[in-house]
C-alpha atoms as a PDB file:
ATOM      1  CA  MET A   1     145.994  93.776  86.942  1.00  0.00           C
ATOM      2  CA  HIS A   2     142.659  92.010  87.211  1.00  0.00           C
ATOM      3  CA  ARG A   3     140.839  91.260  83.980  1.00  0.00           C
ATOM      4  CA  ARG A   4     137.018  91.150  83.935  1.00  0.00           C
ATOM      5  CA  PRO A   5     135.522  87.877  82.742  1.00  0.00           C
ATOM      6  CA  PRO A   6     134.158  88.089  79.163  1.00  0.00           C
ATOM      7  CA  LEU A   7     130.617  87.439  80.404  1.00  0.00           C
ATOM      8  CA  VAL A   8     130.713  90.466  82.718  1.00  0.00           C
ATOM      9  CA  LEU A   9     131.994  92.686  79.898  1.00  0.00           C
ATOM     10  CA  LYS A  10     129.278  91.397  77.613  1.00  0.00           C
ATOM     11  CA  GLN A  11     126.571  92.109  80.194  1.00  0.00           C
ATOM     12  CA  ALA A  12     127.941  95.614  80.784  1.00  0.00           C
ATOM     13  CA  ALA A  13     127.908  96.301  77.065  1.00  0.00           C
ATOM     14  CA  LEU A  14     124.327  95.098  76.753  1.00  0.00           C
ATOM     15  CA  LEU A  15     123.254  97.314  79.665  1.00  0.00           C
ATOM     16  CA  ALA A  16     124.982 100.312  78.099  1.00  0.00           C
ATOM     17  CA  LEU A  17     123.218  99.668  74.806  1.00  0.00           C
ATOM     18  CA  ALA A  18     119.879  99.268  76.544  1.00  0.00           C
ATOM     19  CA  PHE A  19     120.173 102.512  78.484  1.00  0.00           C
ATOM     20  CA  GLY A  20     121.533 104.320  75.444  1.00  0.00           C
ATOM     21  CA  ALA A  21     118.606 103.186  73.329  1.00  0.00           C
ATOM     22  CA  HIS A  22     116.142 104.461  75.930  1.00  0.00           C
ATOM     23  CA  ALA A  23     117.897 107.759  76.667  1.00  0.00           C
ATOM     24  CA  PRO A  24     115.698 109.864  74.351  1.00  0.00           C
ATOM     25  CA  LEU A  25     112.598 108.216  75.818  1.00  0.00           C
ATOM     26  CA  LEU A  26     113.740 108.895  79.382  1.00  0.00           C
ATOM     27  CA  ALA A  27     114.549 112.498  78.483  1.00  0.00           C
ATOM     28  CA  ALA A  28     111.141 112.879  76.896  1.00  0.00           C
ATOM     29  CA  GLU A  29     109.386 111.449  79.949  1.00  0.00           C
ATOM     30  CA  ALA A  30     111.139 113.985  82.199  1.00  0.00           C
ATOM     31  CA  PHE A  31     109.502 116.958  80.425  1.00  0.00           C
ATOM     32  CA  PRO A  32     108.317 119.327  81.756  1.00  0.00           C
ATOM     33  CA  THR A  33     110.438 119.599  84.883  1.00  0.00           C
ATOM     34  CA  ARG A  34     108.979 122.959  85.974  1.00  0.00           C
ATOM     35  CA  PRO A  35     106.060 125.247  85.054  1.00  0.00           C
ATOM     36  CA  ILE A  36     105.752 126.172  81.377  1.00  0.00           C
ATOM     37  CA  THR A  37     105.438 129.869  80.539  1.00  0.00           C
ATOM     38  CA  LEU A  38     103.094 130.729  77.669  1.00  0.00           C
ATOM     39  CA  ILE A  39     103.714 134.260  76.396  1.00  0.00           C
ATOM     40  CA  VAL A  40     100.501 135.813  75.065  1.00  0.00           C
ATOM     41  CA  PRO A  41     101.479 139.022  73.232  1.00  0.00           C
ATOM     42  CA  TYR A  42      98.126 140.690  73.896  1.00  0.00           C
ATOM     43  CA  ALA A  43      96.446 142.301  76.897  1.00  0.00           C
ATOM     44  CA  PRO A  44      93.855 140.468  78.998  1.00  0.00           C
ATOM     45  CA  GLY A  45      90.312 140.315  77.640  1.00  0.00           C
ATOM     46  CA  GLY A  46      91.063 139.923  73.937  1.00  0.00           C
ATOM     47  CA  ALA A  47      90.737 136.850  71.742  1.00  0.00           C
ATOM     48  CA  GLY A  48      94.407 135.933  72.098  1.00  0.00           C
ATOM     49  CA  ASP A  49      94.165 136.025  75.879  1.00  0.00           C
ATOM     50  CA  ILE A  50      90.957 133.955  75.904  1.00  0.00           C
ATOM     51  CA  LEU A  51      92.461 131.297  73.619  1.00  0.00           C
ATOM     52  CA  GLY A  52      95.803 131.370  75.409  1.00  0.00           C
ATOM     53  CA  ARG A  53      94.229 130.651  78.780  1.00  0.00           C
ATOM     54  CA  SER A  54      92.153 127.837  77.289  1.00  0.00           C
ATOM     55  CA  VAL A  55      95.317 126.287  75.822  1.00  0.00           C
ATOM     56  CA  ALA A  56      97.201 126.740  79.103  1.00  0.00           C
ATOM     57  CA  LYS A  57      94.481 124.984  81.093  1.00  0.00           C
ATOM     58  CA  GLU A  58      94.405 122.014  78.720  1.00  0.00           C
ATOM     59  CA  LEU A  59      98.199 121.699  78.454  1.00  0.00           C
ATOM     60  CA  ALA A  60      98.610 121.855  82.220  1.00  0.00           C
ATOM     61  CA  GLY A  61      96.378 118.821  82.586  1.00  0.00           C
ATOM     62  CA  ILE A  62      98.369 116.927  79.975  1.00  0.00           C
ATOM     63  CA  ALA A  63     101.820 118.013  81.175  1.00  0.00           C
ATOM     64  CA  GLY A  64     101.165 117.576  84.882  1.00  0.00           C
ATOM     65  CA  LYS A  65     102.776 120.950  85.564  1.00  0.00           C
ATOM     66  CA  PRO A  66     101.303 124.477  85.657  1.00  0.00           C
ATOM     67  CA  VAL A  67     101.215 126.449  82.405  1.00  0.00           C
ATOM     68  CA  VAL A  68     101.487 130.118  83.338  1.00  0.00           C
ATOM     69  CA  VAL A  69     100.122 132.753  80.948  1.00  0.00           C
ATOM     70  CA  GLU A  70     102.130 135.985  80.796  1.00  0.00           C
ATOM     71  CA  ASN A  71     100.512 138.842  78.851  1.00  0.00           C
ATOM     72  CA  LYS A  72     103.118 140.916  77.003  1.00  0.00           C
ATOM     73  CA  PRO A  73     101.124 143.245  74.713  1.00  0.00           C
ATOM     74  CA  GLY A  74     102.403 145.847  72.303  1.00  0.00           C
ATOM     75  CA  ALA A  75     103.939 146.421  68.864  1.00  0.00           C
ATOM     76  CA  GLY A  76     101.460 144.163  67.095  1.00  0.00           C
ATOM     77  CA  GLY A  77     102.683 141.132  69.039  1.00  0.00           C
ATOM     78  CA  ASN A  78     106.393 141.819  68.460  1.00  0.00           C
ATOM     79  CA  ILE A  79     107.198 142.420  72.137  1.00  0.00           C
ATOM     80  CA  GLY A  80     106.050 138.946  73.121  1.00  0.00           C
ATOM     81  CA  ALA A  81     107.628 137.345  70.062  1.00  0.00           C
ATOM     82  CA  GLU A  82     111.004 138.913  70.888  1.00  0.00           C
ATOM     83  CA  LEU A  83     110.840 137.671  74.489  1.00  0.00           C
ATOM     84  CA  VAL A  84     110.417 134.093  73.315  1.00  0.00           C
ATOM     85  CA  ALA A  85     112.956 134.380  70.486  1.00  0.00           C
ATOM     86  CA  ARG A  86     115.553 135.680  72.978  1.00  0.00           C
ATOM     87  CA  ALA A  87     114.665 133.173  75.707  1.00  0.00           C
ATOM     88  CA  GLN A  88     117.705 131.603  77.335  1.00  0.00           C
ATOM     89  CA  ASP A  89     116.020 128.233  77.799  1.00  0.00           C
ATOM     90  CA  LYS A  90     115.245 126.457  74.552  1.00  0.00           C
ATOM     91  CA  ASP A  91     113.933 123.295  76.173  1.00  0.00           C
ATOM     92  CA  GLY A  92     110.216 123.951  75.705  1.00  0.00           C
ATOM     93  CA  HIS A  93     109.475 125.708  78.991  1.00  0.00           C
ATOM     94  CA  THR A  94     108.982 129.093  77.280  1.00  0.00           C
ATOM     95  CA  LEU A  95     106.435 129.228  74.456  1.00  0.00           C
ATOM     96  CA  LEU A  96     104.623 131.844  72.377  1.00  0.00           C
ATOM     97  CA  LEU A  97     101.005 132.012  71.291  1.00  0.00           C
ATOM     98  CA  GLY A  98     101.575 133.490  67.837  1.00  0.00           C
ATOM     99  CA  ALA A  99      98.911 134.773  65.481  1.00  0.00           C
ATOM    100  CA  THR A 100      98.310 136.152  62.001  1.00  0.00           C
ATOM    101  CA  SER A 101     100.285 139.297  62.850  1.00  0.00           C
ATOM    102  CA  LEU A 102     103.437 137.203  63.310  1.00  0.00           C
ATOM    103  CA  ALA A 103     103.279 136.453  59.575  1.00  0.00           C
ATOM    104  CA  SER A 104     102.218 139.921  58.428  1.00  0.00           C
ATOM    105  CA  ASN A 105     104.488 142.089  60.584  1.00  0.00           C
ATOM    106  CA  PRO A 106     107.670 141.469  58.542  1.00  0.00           C
ATOM    107  CA  SER A 107     105.945 143.047  55.525  1.00  0.00           C
ATOM    108  CA  LEU A 108     104.099 145.773  57.438  1.00  0.00           C
ATOM    109  CA  MET A 109     106.725 147.008  59.896  1.00  0.00           C
ATOM    110  CA  ARG A 110     109.608 149.261  58.906  1.00  0.00           C
ATOM    111  CA  SER A 111     111.837 147.380  61.337  1.00  0.00           C
ATOM    112  CA  MET A 112     111.450 144.062  63.153  1.00  0.00           C
ATOM    113  CA  PRO A 113     113.124 143.053  66.433  1.00  0.00           C
ATOM    114  CA  VAL A 114     113.175 139.417  65.271  1.00  0.00           C
ATOM    115  CA  ASP A 115     112.812 137.394  62.103  1.00  0.00           C
ATOM    116  CA  PRO A 116     109.999 134.953  62.918  1.00  0.00           C
ATOM    117  CA  LEU A 117     111.124 132.509  60.223  1.00  0.00           C
ATOM    118  CA  LYS A 118     114.651 132.329  61.647  1.00  0.00           C
ATOM    119  CA  ASP A 119     114.274 133.150  65.337  1.00  0.00           C
ATOM    120  CA  LEU A 120     111.198 131.050  66.138  1.00  0.00           C
ATOM    121  CA  VAL A 121     110.219 127.431  65.526  1.00  0.00           C
ATOM    122  CA  ALA A 122     106.664 126.457  64.574  1.00  0.00           C
ATOM    123  CA  ILE A 123     105.278 123.768  66.900  1.00  0.00           C
ATOM    124  CA  SER A 124     101.534 123.454  66.413  1.00  0.00           C
ATOM    125  CA  GLY A 125      98.472 125.220  65.136  1.00  0.00           C
ATOM    126  CA  VAL A 126      95.768 126.049  67.683  1.00  0.00           C
ATOM    127  CA  ALA A 127      92.730 127.543  65.959  1.00  0.00           C
ATOM    128  CA  SER A 128      91.421 129.477  62.978  1.00  0.00           C
ATOM    129  CA  LEU A 129      88.594 131.946  63.378  1.00  0.00           C
ATOM    130  CA  GLN A 130      86.662 134.756  61.777  1.00  0.00           C
ATOM    131  CA  ASN A 131      86.385 138.406  62.748  1.00  0.00           C
ATOM    132  CA  VAL A 132      83.063 140.085  63.486  1.00  0.00           C
ATOM    133  CA  ILE A 133      82.141 143.615  62.416  1.00  0.00           C
ATOM    134  CA  ALA A 134      80.442 144.996  65.517  1.00  0.00           C
ATOM    135  CA  VAL A 135      78.924 148.340  66.487  1.00  0.00           C
ATOM    136  CA  ASN A 136      77.102 149.884  69.434  1.00  0.00           C
ATOM    137  CA  PRO A 137      73.506 148.550  69.687  1.00  0.00           C
ATOM    138  CA  SER A 138      72.178 152.100  69.168  1.00  0.00           C
ATOM    139  CA  SER A 139      74.371 152.747  66.109  1.00  0.00           C
ATOM    140  CA  ARG A 140      72.708 153.865  62.899  1.00  0.00           C
ATOM    141  CA  LEU A 141      74.892 151.338  61.058  1.00  0.00           C
ATOM    142  CA  ARG A 142      72.820 148.175  60.764  1.00  0.00           C
ATOM    143  CA  ASN A 143      74.564 146.353  57.907  1.00  0.00           C
ATOM    144  CA  VAL A 144      77.623 146.462  55.659  1.00  0.00           C
ATOM    145  CA  SER A 145      75.830 148.497  52.977  1.00  0.00           C
ATOM    146  CA  GLU A 146      75.006 151.246  55.492  1.00  0.00           C
ATOM    147  CA  LEU A 147      78.578 151.159  56.812  1.00  0.00           C
ATOM    148  CA  VAL A 148      80.013 151.606  53.320  1.00  0.00           C
ATOM    149  CA  ALA A 149      77.513 154.348  52.430  1.00  0.00           C
ATOM    150  CA  GLU A 150      78.320 156.293  55.609  1.00  0.00           C
ATOM    151  CA  ALA A 151      82.066 155.895  55.092  1.00  0.00           C
ATOM    152  CA  LYS A 152      81.834 157.156  51.522  1.00  0.00           C
ATOM    153  CA  LYS A 153      79.648 160.074  52.565  1.00  0.00           C
ATOM    154  CA  HIS A 154      82.070 161.106  55.325  1.00  0.00           C
ATOM    155  CA  PRO A 155      85.572 159.833  54.383  1.00  0.00           C
ATOM    156  CA  GLY A 156      87.911 159.366  57.333  1.00  0.00           C
ATOM    157  CA  LYS A 157      85.233 160.167  59.925  1.00  0.00           C
ATOM    158  CA  LEU A 158      84.100 156.712  61.048  1.00  0.00           C
ATOM    159  CA  THR A 159      86.464 155.325  63.684  1.00  0.00           C
ATOM    160  CA  PHE A 160      87.491 151.705  64.144  1.00  0.00           C
ATOM    161  CA  GLY A 161      89.452 150.265  67.058  1.00  0.00           C
ATOM    162  CA  THR A 162      91.940 147.417  66.903  1.00  0.00           C
ATOM    163  CA  ALA A 163      94.180 145.352  69.165  1.00  0.00           C
ATOM    164  CA  GLY A 164      97.137 147.234  67.672  1.00  0.00           C
ATOM    165  CA  ILE A 165      98.950 147.957  64.439  1.00  0.00           C
ATOM    166  CA  GLY A 166      99.458 144.830  62.362  1.00  0.00           C
ATOM    167  CA  THR A 167      97.053 142.646  64.359  1.00  0.00           C
ATOM    168  CA  SER A 168      94.321 140.683  62.638  1.00  0.00           C
ATOM    169  CA  SER A 169      91.683 143.187  63.756  1.00  0.00           C
ATOM    170  CA  HIS A 170      93.724 145.841  61.939  1.00  0.00           C
ATOM    171  CA  LEU A 171      94.570 143.802  58.848  1.00  0.00           C
ATOM    172  CA  SER A 172      90.951 142.772  58.325  1.00  0.00           C
ATOM    173  CA  VAL A 173      89.919 146.434  58.141  1.00  0.00           C
ATOM    174  CA  GLU A 174      92.782 147.428  55.851  1.00  0.00           C
ATOM    175  CA  LEU A 175      91.734 144.698  53.421  1.00  0.00           C
ATOM    176  CA  PHE A 176      88.113 145.838  53.731  1.00  0.00           C
ATOM    177  CA  LYS A 177      89.065 149.451  53.001  1.00  0.00           C
ATOM    178  CA  GLY A 178      90.961 148.413  49.893  1.00  0.00           C
ATOM    179  CA  GLU A 179      88.250 146.071  48.663  1.00  0.00           C
ATOM    180  CA  VAL A 180      85.260 148.400  49.047  1.00  0.00           C
ATOM    181  CA  GLY A 181      87.070 151.706  48.523  1.00  0.00           C
ATOM    182  CA  VAL A 182      86.423 153.535  51.805  1.00  0.00           C
ATOM    183  CA  ASP A 183      88.509 155.498  54.297  1.00  0.00           C
ATOM    184  CA  LEU A 184      88.108 154.759  58.017  1.00  0.00           C
ATOM    185  CA  LEU A 185      90.050 156.306  60.925  1.00  0.00           C
ATOM    186  CA  HIS A 186      92.239 153.811  62.810  1.00  0.00           C
ATOM    187  CA  VAL A 187      92.419 153.998  66.617  1.00  0.00           C
ATOM    188  CA  PRO A 188      94.932 151.361  67.842  1.00  0.00           C
ATOM    189  CA  TYR A 189      94.763 149.894  71.356  1.00  0.00           C
ATOM    190  CA  LYS A 190      96.962 147.340  73.133  1.00  0.00           C
ATOM    191  CA  SER A 191      94.234 144.708  72.869  1.00  0.00           C
ATOM    192  CA  GLY A 192      90.715 144.235  71.592  1.00  0.00           C
ATOM    193  CA  GLY A 193      89.077 144.488  75.026  1.00  0.00           C
ATOM    194  CA  PRO A 194      89.491 148.261  75.488  1.00  0.00           C
ATOM    195  CA  ALA A 195      88.453 148.877  71.872  1.00  0.00           C
ATOM    196  CA  MET A 196      85.208 146.969  72.369  1.00  0.00           C
ATOM    197  CA  ALA A 197      84.602 148.799  75.659  1.00  0.00           C
ATOM    198  CA  ASP A 198      84.824 152.120  73.820  1.00  0.00           C
ATOM    199  CA  VAL A 199      82.349 150.916  71.175  1.00  0.00           C
ATOM    200  CA  MET A 200      79.953 149.922  73.971  1.00  0.00           C
ATOM    201  CA  ALA A 201      80.446 153.342  75.579  1.00  0.00           C
ATOM    202  CA  GLY A 202      79.767 155.131  72.304  1.00  0.00           C
ATOM    203  CA  ASN A 203      83.291 156.559  72.029  1.00  0.00           C
ATOM    204  CA  LEU A 204      84.180 154.515  68.930  1.00  0.00           C
ATOM    205  CA  ASP A 205      82.131 153.589  65.880  1.00  0.00           C
ATOM    206  CA  LEU A 206      83.089 149.969  65.233  1.00  0.00           C
ATOM    207  CA  VAL A 207      85.498 147.059  65.529  1.00  0.00           C
ATOM    208  CA  PHE A 208      86.443 144.143  63.293  1.00  0.00           C
ATOM    209  CA  GLU A 209      87.182 141.976  66.319  1.00  0.00           C
ATOM    210  CA  LEU A 210      88.077 138.292  66.572  1.00  0.00           C
ATOM    211  CA  MET A 211      85.124 135.983  67.188  1.00  0.00           C
ATOM    212  CA  PRO A 212      86.165 134.657  70.661  1.00  0.00           C
ATOM    213  CA  ALA A 213      86.437 138.170  72.086  1.00  0.00           C
ATOM    214  CA  VAL A 214      83.198 139.544  70.645  1.00  0.00           C
ATOM    215  CA  VAL A 215      80.758 136.628  70.509  1.00  0.00           C
ATOM    216  CA  GLY A 216      79.655 136.929  74.153  1.00  0.00           C
ATOM    217  CA  HIS A 217      79.017 140.664  73.827  1.00  0.00           C
ATOM    218  CA  VAL A 218      76.949 140.155  70.673  1.00  0.00           C
ATOM    219  CA  ARG A 219      74.891 137.384  72.282  1.00  0.00           C
ATOM    220  CA  SER A 220      74.255 139.531  75.381  1.00  0.00           C
ATOM    221  CA  GLY A 221      73.251 142.560  73.319  1.00  0.00           C
ATOM    222  CA  LYS A 222      76.116 144.779  74.481  1.00  0.00           C
ATOM    223  CA  LEU A 223      77.317 144.943  70.866  1.00  0.00           C
ATOM    224  CA  ARG A 224      75.481 144.473  67.583  1.00  0.00           C
ATOM    225  CA  GLY A 225      77.162 142.313  64.979  1.00  0.00           C
ATOM    226  CA  ILE A 226      76.531 143.280  61.372  1.00  0.00           C
ATOM    227  CA  ALA A 227      78.695 140.746  59.489  1.00  0.00           C
ATOM    228  CA  VAL A 228      81.473 138.149  59.732  1.00  0.00           C
ATOM    229  CA  THR A 229      84.641 138.293  57.659  1.00  0.00           C
ATOM    230  CA  GLY A 230      85.045 134.676  56.481  1.00  0.00           C
ATOM    231  CA  SER A 231      83.778 133.008  53.325  1.00  0.00           C
ATOM    232  CA  ALA A 232      80.927 131.253  55.173  1.00  0.00           C
ATOM    233  CA  ARG A 233      78.657 132.101  58.069  1.00  0.00           C
ATOM    234  CA  SER A 234      79.768 131.134  61.562  1.00  0.00           C
ATOM    235  CA  GLU A 235      77.890 128.527  63.583  1.00  0.00           C
ATOM    236  CA  ALA A 236      78.562 130.690  66.639  1.00  0.00           C
ATOM    237  CA  LEU A 237      76.561 133.615  65.174  1.00  0.00           C
ATOM    238  CA  PRO A 238      74.583 132.047  62.317  1.00  0.00           C
ATOM    239  CA  ASP A 239      72.277 135.049  61.769  1.00  0.00           C
ATOM    240  CA  LEU A 240      75.164 137.296  60.731  1.00  0.00           C
ATOM    241  CA  PRO A 241      75.851 137.408  56.969  1.00  0.00           C
ATOM    242  CA  THR A 242      79.343 137.391  55.527  1.00  0.00           C
ATOM    243  CA  VAL A 243      80.791 140.530  53.958  1.00  0.00           C
ATOM    244  CA  ALA A 244      80.711 138.602  50.676  1.00  0.00           C
ATOM    245  CA  GLU A 245      76.965 138.025  51.048  1.00  0.00           C
ATOM    246  CA  SER A 246      76.576 141.737  51.711  1.00  0.00           C
ATOM    247  CA  GLY A 247      77.723 142.680  48.234  1.00  0.00           C
ATOM    248  CA  TYR A 248      81.517 142.321  48.280  1.00  0.00           C
ATOM    249  CA  PRO A 249      82.201 138.763  47.065  1.00  0.00           C
ATOM    250  CA  LYS A 250      85.995 139.147  46.835  1.00  0.00           C
ATOM    251  CA  TYR A 251      86.419 139.975  50.504  1.00  0.00           C
ATOM    252  CA  SER A 252      87.353 137.209  52.941  1.00  0.00           C
ATOM    253  CA  PHE A 253      89.526 137.272  56.051  1.00  0.00           C
ATOM    254  CA  VAL A 254      90.276 134.462  58.530  1.00  0.00           C
ATOM    255  CA  SER A 255      92.670 134.686  61.472  1.00  0.00           C
ATOM    256  CA  TRP A 256      94.711 131.942  63.135  1.00  0.00           C
ATOM    257  CA  PHE A 257      96.707 131.194  66.293  1.00  0.00           C
ATOM    258  CA  GLY A 258      99.556 128.750  66.871  1.00  0.00           C
ATOM    259  CA  ILE A 259     102.280 127.710  69.303  1.00  0.00           C
ATOM    260  CA  PHE A 260     105.920 128.683  68.686  1.00  0.00           C
ATOM    261  CA  GLY A 261     109.178 128.269  70.562  1.00  0.00           C
ATOM    262  CA  PRO A 262     112.661 129.787  70.293  1.00  0.00           C
ATOM    263  CA  SER A 263     114.779 128.556  67.407  1.00  0.00           C
ATOM    264  CA  GLY A 264     117.374 125.997  68.392  1.00  0.00           C
ATOM    265  CA  MET A 265     114.872 123.829  70.249  1.00  0.00           C
ATOM    266  CA  ASP A 266     115.597 120.125  69.891  1.00  0.00           C
ATOM    267  CA  SER A 267     113.378 118.560  67.228  1.00  0.00           C
ATOM    268  CA  ARG A 268     112.389 115.796  69.671  1.00  0.00           C
ATOM    269  CA  ARG A 269     111.092 118.405  72.101  1.00  0.00           C
ATOM    270  CA  VAL A 270     109.207 120.128  69.272  1.00  0.00           C
ATOM    271  CA  ALA A 271     107.609 116.783  68.408  1.00  0.00           C
ATOM    272  CA  GLN A 272     106.749 116.146  72.056  1.00  0.00           C
ATOM    273  CA  LEU A 273     105.063 119.532  72.436  1.00  0.00           C
ATOM    274  CA  ASN A 274     103.187 118.938  69.179  1.00  0.00           C
ATOM    275  CA  GLU A 275     101.911 115.625  70.554  1.00  0.00           C
ATOM    276  CA  MET A 276     100.745 117.404  73.706  1.00  0.00           C
ATOM    277  CA  MET A 277      98.889 119.986  71.590  1.00  0.00           C
ATOM    278  CA  ALA A 278      97.335 117.176  69.512  1.00  0.00           C
ATOM    279  CA  LYS A 279      95.938 115.688  72.728  1.00  0.00           C
ATOM    280  CA  ALA A 280      94.627 119.117  73.747  1.00  0.00           C
ATOM    281  CA  LEU A 281      92.941 119.652  70.384  1.00  0.00           C
ATOM    282  CA  ALA A 282      91.358 116.196  70.572  1.00  0.00           C
ATOM    283  CA  SER A 283      89.947 116.843  74.027  1.00  0.00           C
ATOM    284  CA  GLY A 284      86.165 116.998  74.102  1.00  0.00           C
ATOM    285  CA  GLU A 285      86.255 119.876  76.582  1.00  0.00           C
ATOM    286  CA  PHE A 286      88.653 121.891  74.410  1.00  0.00           C
ATOM    287  CA  LYS A 287      86.635 121.185  71.258  1.00  0.00           C
ATOM    288  CA  SER A 288      83.515 122.385  73.049  1.00  0.00           C
ATOM    289  CA  ARG A 289      85.335 125.516  74.195  1.00  0.00           C
ATOM    290  CA  LEU A 290      86.474 126.300  70.654  1.00  0.00           C
ATOM    291  CA  GLU A 291      82.940 125.764  69.358  1.00  0.00           C
ATOM    292  CA  GLN A 292      81.582 128.185  71.956  1.00  0.00           C
ATOM    293  CA  LEU A 293      84.142 130.751  70.834  1.00  0.00           C
ATOM    294  CA  GLY A 294      83.363 130.281  67.144  1.00  0.00           C
ATOM    295  CA  ALA A 295      86.805 128.847  66.407  1.00  0.00           C
ATOM    296  CA  GLU A 296      88.023 125.705  64.631  1.00  0.00           C
ATOM    297  CA  GLY A 297      90.970 123.605  65.797  1.00  0.00           C
ATOM    298  CA  MET A 298      94.137 123.446  63.677  1.00  0.00           C
ATOM    299  CA  SER A 299      95.813 120.052  64.030  1.00  0.00           C
ATOM    300  CA  GLY A 300      98.859 118.720  62.191  1.00  0.00           C
ATOM    301  CA  SER A 301     102.551 117.947  62.493  1.00  0.00           C
ATOM    302  CA  PRO A 302     105.273 120.549  63.171  1.00  0.00           C
ATOM    303  CA  ALA A 303     106.311 120.296  59.497  1.00  0.00           C
ATOM    304  CA  GLN A 304     102.756 120.957  58.331  1.00  0.00           C
ATOM    305  CA  PHE A 305     102.380 123.964  60.614  1.00  0.00           C
ATOM    306  CA  ASP A 306     105.784 125.281  59.531  1.00  0.00           C
ATOM    307  CA  ARG A 307     104.769 125.065  55.852  1.00  0.00           C
ATOM    308  CA  PHE A 308     101.493 126.821  56.683  1.00  0.00           C
ATOM    309  CA  PHE A 309     103.366 129.594  58.509  1.00  0.00           C
ATOM    310  CA  GLN A 310     105.859 130.093  55.686  1.00  0.00           C
ATOM    311  CA  GLY A 311     102.925 130.302  53.284  1.00  0.00           C
ATOM    312  CA  GLU A 312     101.266 132.942  55.476  1.00  0.00           C
ATOM    313  CA  VAL A 313     104.441 135.064  55.517  1.00  0.00           C
ATOM    314  CA  ALA A 314     104.640 134.869  51.708  1.00  0.00           C
ATOM    315  CA  LYS A 315     100.904 135.622  51.362  1.00  0.00           C
ATOM    316  CA  TRP A 316     101.059 138.775  53.455  1.00  0.00           C
ATOM    317  CA  LYS A 317     104.138 139.991  51.616  1.00  0.00           C
ATOM    318  CA  ARG A 318     102.115 139.724  48.413  1.00  0.00           C
ATOM    319  CA  VAL A 319      98.950 141.263  49.911  1.00  0.00           C
ATOM    320  CA  VAL A 320     100.791 144.245  51.391  1.00  0.00           C
ATOM    321  CA  ALA A 321     102.393 144.951  48.010  1.00  0.00           C
ATOM    322  CA  GLU A 322      99.183 144.463  46.014  1.00  0.00           C
ATOM    323  CA  GLN A 323      97.009 146.516  48.384  1.00  0.00           C
ATOM    324  CA  GLY A 324      99.638 149.192  48.882  1.00  0.00           C
ATOM    325  CA  LEU A 325      99.214 148.971  52.654  1.00  0.00           C
ATOM    326  CA  PRO A 326     101.249 151.645  54.486  1.00  0.00           C
ATOM    327  CA  LEU A 327     104.332 150.601  56.431  1.00  0.00           C
ATOM    328  CA  MET A 328     104.068 151.002  60.202  1.00  0.00           C
ATOM    329  CA  ASN A 329     106.641 152.167  62.727  1.00  0.00           C
END
């Protein structure tokens, strides 16, 4: 039996330690190894789709691999959320663009296909943004006061379209109805695009649509904005007053979007994806794009975004109970 000289053994041990110490780094550098799929749980043309494609473009440049957007609309975003939660690969190649509805659905839906707090992992915020109350340019409704007066005169007659039950465009109206004491007829769609098209065509009275989806139509005159839903005016549409300015100071609604992955993802991969999103959010081009859309970037660590998300789930549980919002199928 031949015995290795002590020096050779020592060198081998040092090499093993060196490679072992750099294993996480090497693994990190190897990601992604194939295209990343970003599930957007809304149909093309809506705010979620617009933001999702902006994120995908920026991430692809950072990752060096394509980021493919797959639209999976329906059930207030639950269809897309379930696809990601049930994804076989948990290595960061399948991601979800989640939104406000991901936090509100557990309190609004009679049954949920997934538990977002248990079945998904929060990776990074993307953007926060206001909704815009918009009508057809020829509509008799020119401001919030006229909208409320008409709704009170004809309860349940004015129609509003949304991107689906439980989405932010729906929740913003439900809060408005409770705050001002009016009844409006809900017409749910699979995304905000078709709802806005029906307002333009005169088939629907109004939408409370997310800023990125509606801002271009308001600027071009295809829709008329009458107010924004946040606590302050938007730089994207500075001439529009807030609902609070219009006589209802307690009303305020702001939506958000963020990146999630399936639970069970390695924390180092979560951190790596968060770093990639931080680079995207710091990009001058992406900042400019968000500004054009009337949105604000949401930066922060995975832990910070997770705390924010847990707070949103708790908030909507409280709001649904306090407002007596009806449960949805």
